[in-house]
Amino acid sequence: MKRTIVLLLSFVYFLKSRLTNWKYLKSLPNHGKHVFFEGSLTYFSPENISIGNNVYINHNVDLIARNGKITIGNYVLVEIGRA
């Protein structure tokens, strides 16, 4: 019983992460292959944001491109800074 609950919760988390990833990819027009978003992302001016291939964007990242462009290359990990 416990194993079934753990498997079910794992599947729910997996499904939620895939739907979140799909939502961000649909709203950012300039992205490559194998781009994954983990958790929440805040962004402004998605037309000014370009993301390369094999990119992982971690929790709580802000991409603000109101007055310029943001270009993230290939094979990049983006995460918030730690103090």
PDB file of N, CA and C in Angstrom:
ATOM      1  N   MET A   1       0.819  -1.200   0.000  1.00  0.00           N
ATOM      2  CA  MET A   1       0.000   0.000   0.000  1.00  0.00           C
ATOM      3  C   MET A   1       0.863   1.265   0.000  1.00  0.00           C
ATOM      4  N   LYS A   2       1.881   1.274   0.871  1.00  0.00           N
ATOM      5  CA  LYS A   2       2.763   2.444   0.965  1.00  0.00           C
ATOM      6  C   LYS A   2       3.512   2.669  -0.348  1.00  0.00           C
ATOM      7  N   ARG A   3       3.955   1.577  -0.962  1.00  0.00           N
ATOM      8  CA  ARG A   3       4.682   1.678  -2.223  1.00  0.00           C
ATOM      9  C   ARG A   3       3.776   2.228  -3.323  1.00  0.00           C
ATOM     10  N   THR A   4       2.517   1.829  -3.337  1.00  0.00           N
ATOM     11  CA  THR A   4       1.563   2.318  -4.320  1.00  0.00           C
ATOM     12  C   THR A   4       1.354   3.820  -4.176  1.00  0.00           C
ATOM     13  N   ILE A   5       1.256   4.301  -2.959  1.00  0.00           N
ATOM     14  CA  ILE A   5       1.080   5.728  -2.710  1.00  0.00           C
ATOM     15  C   ILE A   5       2.307   6.503  -3.169  1.00  0.00           C
ATOM     16  N   VAL A   6       3.489   5.981  -2.872  1.00  0.00           N
ATOM     17  CA  VAL A   6       4.725   6.640  -3.291  1.00  0.00           C
ATOM     18  C   VAL A   6       4.800   6.699  -4.818  1.00  0.00           C
ATOM     19  N   LEU A   7       4.473   5.614  -5.486  1.00  0.00           N
ATOM     20  CA  LEU A   7       4.484   5.598  -6.951  1.00  0.00           C
ATOM     21  C   LEU A   7       3.460   6.565  -7.530  1.00  0.00           C
ATOM     22  N   LEU A   8       2.291   6.625  -6.936  1.00  0.00           N
ATOM     23  CA  LEU A   8       1.259   7.541  -7.403  1.00  0.00           C
ATOM     24  C   LEU A   8       1.689   8.996  -7.229  1.00  0.00           C
ATOM     25  N   LEU A   9       2.259   9.325  -6.074  1.00  0.00           N
ATOM     26  CA  LEU A   9       2.736  10.686  -5.835  1.00  0.00           C
ATOM     27  C   LEU A   9       3.885  11.045  -6.777  1.00  0.00           C
ATOM     28  N   SER A  10       4.753  10.104  -7.048  1.00  0.00           N
ATOM     29  CA  SER A  10       5.851  10.340  -7.992  1.00  0.00           C
ATOM     30  C   SER A  10       5.309  10.621  -9.387  1.00  0.00           C
ATOM     31  N   PHE A  11       4.311   9.880  -9.792  1.00  0.00           N
ATOM     32  CA  PHE A  11       3.706  10.091 -11.106  1.00  0.00           C
ATOM     33  C   PHE A  11       3.019  11.453 -11.180  1.00  0.00           C
ATOM     34  N   VAL A  12       2.327  11.845 -10.133  1.00  0.00           N
ATOM     35  CA  VAL A  12       1.659  13.151 -10.098  1.00  0.00           C
ATOM     36  C   VAL A  12       2.694  14.271 -10.201  1.00  0.00           C
ATOM     37  N   TYR A  13       3.802  14.162  -9.466  1.00  0.00           N
ATOM     38  CA  TYR A  13       4.861  15.168  -9.542  1.00  0.00           C
ATOM     39  C   TYR A  13       5.454  15.229 -10.944  1.00  0.00           C
ATOM     40  N   PHE A  14       5.696  14.069 -11.544  1.00  0.00           N
ATOM     41  CA  PHE A  14       6.234  14.007 -12.904  1.00  0.00           C
ATOM     42  C   PHE A  14       5.287  14.682 -13.894  1.00  0.00           C
ATOM     43  N   LEU A  15       4.002  14.374 -13.786  1.00  0.00           N
ATOM     44  CA  LEU A  15       3.014  14.964 -14.680  1.00  0.00           C
ATOM     45  C   LEU A  15       2.932  16.474 -14.506  1.00  0.00           C
ATOM     46  N   LYS A  16       2.956  16.942 -13.272  1.00  0.00           N
ATOM     47  CA  LYS A  16       2.918  18.381 -12.999  1.00  0.00           C
ATOM     48  C   LYS A  16       4.134  19.076 -13.591  1.00  0.00           C
ATOM     49  N   SER A  17       5.311  18.490 -13.433  1.00  0.00           N
ATOM     50  CA  SER A  17       6.521  19.111 -13.969  1.00  0.00           C
ATOM     51  C   SER A  17       6.494  19.146 -15.500  1.00  0.00           C
ATOM     52  N   ARG A  18       5.959  18.109 -16.137  1.00  0.00           N
ATOM     53  CA  ARG A  18       5.872  18.100 -17.598  1.00  0.00           C
ATOM     54  C   ARG A  18       4.889  19.159 -18.099  1.00  0.00           C
ATOM     55  N   LEU A  19       3.762  19.321 -17.412  1.00  0.00           N
ATOM     56  CA  LEU A  19       2.786  20.338 -17.816  1.00  0.00           C
ATOM     57  C   LEU A  19       3.345  21.747 -17.628  1.00  0.00           C
ATOM     58  N   THR A  20       4.062  21.961 -16.530  1.00  0.00           N
ATOM     59  CA  THR A  20       4.695  23.257 -16.286  1.00  0.00           C
ATOM     60  C   THR A  20       5.718  23.546 -17.377  1.00  0.00           C
ATOM     61  N   ASN A  21       6.527  22.564 -17.708  1.00  0.00           N
ATOM     62  CA  ASN A  21       7.538  22.724 -18.750  1.00  0.00           C
ATOM     63  C   ASN A  21       6.879  23.064 -20.088  1.00  0.00           C
ATOM     64  N   TRP A  22       5.817  22.375 -20.420  1.00  0.00           N
ATOM     65  CA  TRP A  22       5.104  22.610 -21.675  1.00  0.00           C
ATOM     66  C   TRP A  22       4.555  24.033 -21.716  1.00  0.00           C
ATOM     67  N   LYS A  23       3.994  24.501 -20.586  1.00  0.00           N
ATOM     68  CA  LYS A  23       3.440  25.853 -20.516  1.00  0.00           C
ATOM     69  C   LYS A  23       4.511  26.901 -20.799  1.00  0.00           C
ATOM     70  N   TYR A  24       5.675  26.763 -20.185  1.00  0.00           N
ATOM     71  CA  TYR A  24       6.752  27.734 -20.408  1.00  0.00           C
ATOM     72  C   TYR A  24       7.283  27.669 -21.839  1.00  0.00           C
ATOM     73  N   LEU A  25       7.427  26.469 -22.383  1.00  0.00           N
ATOM     74  CA  LEU A  25       7.934  26.342 -23.752  1.00  0.00           C
ATOM     75  C   LEU A  25       6.969  26.961 -24.761  1.00  0.00           C
ATOM     76  N   LYS A  26       5.684  26.828 -24.528  1.00  0.00           N
ATOM     77  CA  LYS A  26       4.695  27.424 -25.431  1.00  0.00           C
ATOM     78  C   LYS A  26       4.724  28.948 -25.378  1.00  0.00           C
ATOM     79  N   SER A  27       5.053  29.514 -24.227  1.00  0.00           N
ATOM     80  CA  SER A  27       5.026  30.965 -24.085  1.00  0.00           C
ATOM     81  C   SER A  27       6.347  31.637 -24.459  1.00  0.00           C
ATOM     82  N   LEU A  28       7.427  30.865 -24.605  1.00  0.00           N
ATOM     83  CA  LEU A  28       8.723  31.403 -25.023  1.00  0.00           C
ATOM     84  C   LEU A  28       9.002  30.935 -26.459  1.00  0.00           C
ATOM     85  N   PRO A  29       8.878  31.824 -27.435  1.00  0.00           N
ATOM     86  CA  PRO A  29       8.953  31.394 -28.836  1.00  0.00           C
ATOM     87  C   PRO A  29      10.345  30.983 -29.325  1.00  0.00           C
ATOM     88  N   ASN A  30      11.409  31.478 -28.699  1.00  0.00           N
ATOM     89  CA  ASN A  30      12.776  31.223 -29.187  1.00  0.00           C
ATOM     90  C   ASN A  30      13.515  30.274 -28.252  1.00  0.00           C
ATOM     91  N   HIS A  31      13.343  28.980 -28.480  1.00  0.00           N
ATOM     92  CA  HIS A  31      14.036  27.996 -27.634  1.00  0.00           C
ATOM     93  C   HIS A  31      14.463  26.803 -28.479  1.00  0.00           C
ATOM     94  N   GLY A  32      15.508  26.140 -28.001  1.00  0.00           N
ATOM     95  CA  GLY A  32      16.030  24.970 -28.695  1.00  0.00           C
ATOM     96  C   GLY A  32      15.399  23.685 -28.190  1.00  0.00           C
ATOM     97  N   LYS A  33      16.109  22.597 -28.398  1.00  0.00           N
ATOM     98  CA  LYS A  33      15.646  21.269 -27.965  1.00  0.00           C
ATOM     99  C   LYS A  33      16.151  20.977 -26.559  1.00  0.00           C
ATOM    100  N   HIS A  34      15.420  20.144 -25.863  1.00  0.00           N
ATOM    101  CA  HIS A  34      15.797  19.658 -24.532  1.00  0.00           C
ATOM    102  C   HIS A  34      15.960  20.806 -23.539  1.00  0.00           C
ATOM    103  N   VAL A  35      14.953  21.657 -23.471  1.00  0.00           N
ATOM    104  CA  VAL A  35      14.921  22.753 -22.494  1.00  0.00           C
ATOM    105  C   VAL A  35      13.966  22.341 -21.391  1.00  0.00           C
ATOM    106  N   PHE A  36      14.419  22.423 -20.128  1.00  0.00           N
ATOM    107  CA  PHE A  36      13.594  21.987 -19.009  1.00  0.00           C
ATOM    108  C   PHE A  36      13.534  23.068 -17.947  1.00  0.00           C
ATOM    109  N   PHE A  37      12.325  23.360 -17.493  1.00  0.00           N
ATOM    110  CA  PHE A  37      12.086  24.334 -16.430  1.00  0.00           C
ATOM    111  C   PHE A  37      11.653  23.596 -15.184  1.00  0.00           C
ATOM    112  N   GLU A  38      12.323  23.839 -14.092  1.00  0.00           N
ATOM    113  CA  GLU A  38      12.003  23.209 -12.810  1.00  0.00           C
ATOM    114  C   GLU A  38      11.345  24.245 -11.917  1.00  0.00           C
ATOM    115  N   GLY A  39      10.076  24.075 -11.629  1.00  0.00           N
ATOM    116  CA  GLY A  39       9.397  24.992 -10.715  1.00  0.00           C
ATOM    117  C   GLY A  39       8.995  26.289 -11.371  1.00  0.00           C
ATOM    118  N   SER A  40       8.977  27.349 -10.581  1.00  0.00           N
ATOM    119  CA  SER A  40       8.438  28.620 -11.062  1.00  0.00           C
ATOM    120  C   SER A  40       9.485  29.434 -11.823  1.00  0.00           C
ATOM    121  N   LEU A  41       8.996  30.165 -12.809  1.00  0.00           N
ATOM    122  CA  LEU A  41       9.820  31.038 -13.637  1.00  0.00           C
ATOM    123  C   LEU A  41       9.051  32.334 -13.823  1.00  0.00           C
ATOM    124  N   THR A  42       9.728  33.464 -13.647  1.00  0.00           N
ATOM    125  CA  THR A  42       9.135  34.763 -13.917  1.00  0.00           C
ATOM    126  C   THR A  42       9.880  35.366 -15.097  1.00  0.00           C
ATOM    127  N   TYR A  43       9.139  35.831 -16.096  1.00  0.00           N
ATOM    128  CA  TYR A  43       9.792  36.425 -17.256  1.00  0.00           C
ATOM    129  C   TYR A  43       8.935  37.549 -17.826  1.00  0.00           C
ATOM    130  N   PHE A  44       9.607  38.513 -18.435  1.00  0.00           N
ATOM    131  CA  PHE A  44       8.957  39.621 -19.108  1.00  0.00           C
ATOM    132  C   PHE A  44       9.548  39.734 -20.505  1.00  0.00           C
ATOM    133  N   SER A  45       8.749  40.110 -21.467  1.00  0.00           N
ATOM    134  CA  SER A  45       9.149  40.247 -22.874  1.00  0.00           C
ATOM    135  C   SER A  45       9.726  38.942 -23.428  1.00  0.00           C
ATOM    136  N   PRO A  46       8.909  37.890 -23.493  1.00  0.00           N
ATOM    137  CA  PRO A  46       9.423  36.598 -23.966  1.00  0.00           C
ATOM    138  C   PRO A  46       9.970  36.634 -25.394  1.00  0.00           C
ATOM    139  N   GLU A  47       9.527  37.597 -26.200  1.00  0.00           N
ATOM    140  CA  GLU A  47      10.041  37.703 -27.562  1.00  0.00           C
ATOM    141  C   GLU A  47      11.512  38.132 -27.584  1.00  0.00           C
ATOM    142  N   ASN A  48      12.016  38.661 -26.468  1.00  0.00           N
ATOM    143  CA  ASN A  48      13.417  39.083 -26.361  1.00  0.00           C
ATOM    144  C   ASN A  48      14.295  38.057 -25.649  1.00  0.00           C
ATOM    145  N   ILE A  49      13.749  36.870 -25.379  1.00  0.00           N
ATOM    146  CA  ILE A  49      14.495  35.826 -24.672  1.00  0.00           C
ATOM    147  C   ILE A  49      14.742  34.671 -25.630  1.00  0.00           C
ATOM    148  N   SER A  50      16.009  34.288 -25.766  1.00  0.00           N
ATOM    149  CA  SER A  50      16.398  33.184 -26.632  1.00  0.00           C
ATOM    150  C   SER A  50      17.129  32.134 -25.791  1.00  0.00           C
ATOM    151  N   ILE A  51      16.702  30.889 -25.918  1.00  0.00           N
ATOM    152  CA  ILE A  51      17.275  29.798 -25.117  1.00  0.00           C
ATOM    153  C   ILE A  51      17.780  28.723 -26.068  1.00  0.00           C
ATOM    154  N   GLY A  52      19.010  28.280 -25.854  1.00  0.00           N
ATOM    155  CA  GLY A  52      19.636  27.273 -26.715  1.00  0.00           C
ATOM    156  C   GLY A  52      19.187  25.850 -26.405  1.00  0.00           C
ATOM    157  N   ASN A  53      19.986  24.894 -26.811  1.00  0.00           N
ATOM    158  CA  ASN A  53      19.710  23.465 -26.615  1.00  0.00           C
ATOM    159  C   ASN A  53      20.274  22.977 -25.285  1.00  0.00           C
ATOM    160  N   ASN A  54      19.615  21.971 -24.730  1.00  0.00           N
ATOM    161  CA  ASN A  54      20.082  21.306 -23.509  1.00  0.00           C
ATOM    162  C   ASN A  54      20.278  22.299 -22.366  1.00  0.00           C
ATOM    163  N   VAL A  55      19.213  23.005 -22.040  1.00  0.00           N
ATOM    164  CA  VAL A  55      19.238  24.029 -20.990  1.00  0.00           C
ATOM    165  C   VAL A  55      18.309  23.609 -19.862  1.00  0.00           C
ATOM    166  N   TYR A  56      18.786  23.775 -18.630  1.00  0.00           N
ATOM    167  CA  TYR A  56      18.001  23.482 -17.432  1.00  0.00           C
ATOM    168  C   TYR A  56      17.872  24.779 -16.639  1.00  0.00           C
ATOM    169  N   ILE A  57      16.646  25.219 -16.411  1.00  0.00           N
ATOM    170  CA  ILE A  57      16.404  26.434 -15.645  1.00  0.00           C
ATOM    171  C   ILE A  57      15.745  26.030 -14.340  1.00  0.00           C
ATOM    172  N   ASN A  58      16.421  26.285 -13.240  1.00  0.00           N
ATOM    173  CA  ASN A  58      16.012  25.822 -11.921  1.00  0.00           C
ATOM    174  C   ASN A  58      14.913  26.694 -11.336  1.00  0.00           C
ATOM    175  N   HIS A  59      14.542  26.421 -10.090  1.00  0.00           N
ATOM    176  CA  HIS A  59      13.463  27.113  -9.382  1.00  0.00           C
ATOM    177  C   HIS A  59      13.715  28.617  -9.245  1.00  0.00           C
ATOM    178  N   ASN A  60      12.629  29.397  -9.260  1.00  0.00           N
ATOM    179  CA  ASN A  60      12.621  30.818  -8.890  1.00  0.00           C
ATOM    180  C   ASN A  60      13.599  31.681  -9.683  1.00  0.00           C
ATOM    181  N   VAL A  61      13.678  31.471 -10.969  1.00  0.00           N
ATOM    182  CA  VAL A  61      14.547  32.270 -11.835  1.00  0.00           C
ATOM    183  C   VAL A  61      13.711  33.386 -12.463  1.00  0.00           C
ATOM    184  N   ASP A  62      14.289  34.593 -12.529  1.00  0.00           N
ATOM    185  CA  ASP A  62      13.657  35.737 -13.164  1.00  0.00           C
ATOM    186  C   ASP A  62      14.412  36.089 -14.433  1.00  0.00           C
ATOM    187  N   LEU A  63      13.728  36.123 -15.562  1.00  0.00           N
ATOM    188  CA  LEU A  63      14.315  36.538 -16.835  1.00  0.00           C
ATOM    189  C   LEU A  63      13.561  37.787 -17.279  1.00  0.00           C
ATOM    190  N   ILE A  64      14.186  38.940 -17.143  1.00  0.00           N
ATOM    191  CA  ILE A  64      13.535  40.212 -17.441  1.00  0.00           C
ATOM    192  C   ILE A  64      14.263  40.859 -18.615  1.00  0.00           C
ATOM    193  N   ALA A  65      13.591  40.920 -19.763  1.00  0.00           N
ATOM    194  CA  ALA A  65      14.216  41.422 -20.989  1.00  0.00           C
ATOM    195  C   ALA A  65      13.419  42.586 -21.569  1.00  0.00           C
ATOM    196  N   ARG A  66      12.999  43.498 -20.736  1.00  0.00           N
ATOM    197  CA  ARG A  66      12.184  44.620 -21.208  1.00  0.00           C
ATOM    198  C   ARG A  66      12.965  45.567 -22.108  1.00  0.00           C
ATOM    199  N   ASN A  67      14.207  45.902 -21.721  1.00  0.00           N
ATOM    200  CA  ASN A  67      14.990  46.911 -22.441  1.00  0.00           C
ATOM    201  C   ASN A  67      16.162  46.323 -23.218  1.00  0.00           C
ATOM    202  N   GLY A  68      16.144  45.039 -23.442  1.00  0.00           N
ATOM    203  CA  GLY A  68      17.250  44.406 -24.152  1.00  0.00           C
ATOM    204  C   GLY A  68      16.904  42.969 -24.461  1.00  0.00           C
ATOM    205  N   LYS A  69      17.930  42.185 -24.763  1.00  0.00           N
ATOM    206  CA  LYS A  69      17.727  40.781 -25.091  1.00  0.00           C
ATOM    207  C   LYS A  69      18.505  39.901 -24.128  1.00  0.00           C
ATOM    208  N   ILE A  70      17.960  38.727 -23.862  1.00  0.00           N
ATOM    209  CA  ILE A  70      18.647  37.711 -23.074  1.00  0.00           C
ATOM    210  C   ILE A  70      18.874  36.515 -23.989  1.00  0.00           C
ATOM    211  N   THR A  71      20.129  36.098 -24.096  1.00  0.00           N
ATOM    212  CA  THR A  71      20.471  34.920 -24.885  1.00  0.00           C
ATOM    213  C   THR A  71      21.155  33.917 -23.963  1.00  0.00           C
ATOM    214  N   ILE A  72      20.572  32.748 -23.853  1.00  0.00           N
ATOM    215  CA  ILE A  72      21.145  31.653 -23.064  1.00  0.00           C
ATOM    216  C   ILE A  72      21.626  30.616 -24.068  1.00  0.00           C
ATOM    217  N   GLY A  73      22.907  30.284 -24.009  1.00  0.00           N
ATOM    218  CA  GLY A  73      23.512  29.375 -24.987  1.00  0.00           C
ATOM    219  C   GLY A  73      23.139  27.921 -24.777  1.00  0.00           C
ATOM    220  N   ASN A  74      23.927  27.030 -25.368  1.00  0.00           N
ATOM    221  CA  ASN A  74      23.724  25.586 -25.261  1.00  0.00           C
ATOM    222  C   ASN A  74      24.406  25.029 -24.016  1.00  0.00           C
ATOM    223  N   TYR A  75      23.846  23.962 -23.470  1.00  0.00           N
ATOM    224  CA  TYR A  75      24.405  23.241 -22.327  1.00  0.00           C
ATOM    225  C   TYR A  75      24.603  24.180 -21.125  1.00  0.00           C
ATOM    226  N   VAL A  76      23.515  24.820 -20.709  1.00  0.00           N
ATOM    227  CA  VAL A  76      23.585  25.818 -19.625  1.00  0.00           C
ATOM    228  C   VAL A  76      22.633  25.415 -18.506  1.00  0.00           C
ATOM    229  N   LEU A  77      23.105  25.615 -17.276  1.00  0.00           N
ATOM    230  CA  LEU A  77      22.276  25.486 -16.076  1.00  0.00           C
ATOM    231  C   LEU A  77      22.080  26.880 -15.519  1.00  0.00           C
ATOM    232  N   VAL A  78      20.822  27.302 -15.336  1.00  0.00           N
ATOM    233  CA  VAL A  78      20.514  28.633 -14.790  1.00  0.00           C
ATOM    234  C   VAL A  78      19.822  28.421 -13.452  1.00  0.00           C
ATOM    235  N   GLU A  79      20.346  29.067 -12.410  1.00  0.00           N
ATOM    236  CA  GLU A  79      19.703  28.992 -11.096  1.00  0.00           C
ATOM    237  C   GLU A  79      19.942  30.289 -10.346  1.00  0.00           C
ATOM    238  N   ILE A  80      19.183  30.473  -9.272  1.00  0.00           N
ATOM    239  CA  ILE A  80      19.334  31.695  -8.495  1.00  0.00           C
ATOM    240  C   ILE A  80      20.639  31.645  -7.701  1.00  0.00           C
ATOM    241  N   GLY A  81      21.156  32.831  -7.362  1.00  0.00           N
ATOM    242  CA  GLY A  81      22.371  32.901  -6.575  1.00  0.00           C
ATOM    243  C   GLY A  81      22.117  32.527  -5.134  1.00  0.00           C
ATOM    244  N   ARG A  82      23.136  32.119  -4.461  1.00  0.00           N
ATOM    245  CA  ARG A  82      23.041  31.761  -3.040  1.00  0.00           C
ATOM    246  C   ARG A  82      24.013  32.628  -2.254  1.00  0.00           C
ATOM    247  N   ALA A  83      23.558  33.094  -1.105  1.00  0.00           N
ATOM    248  CA  ALA A  83      24.404  33.950  -0.268  1.00  0.00           C
ATOM    249  C   ALA A  83      25.084  33.140   0.806  1.00  0.00           C
TER     250      ALA A  83
END
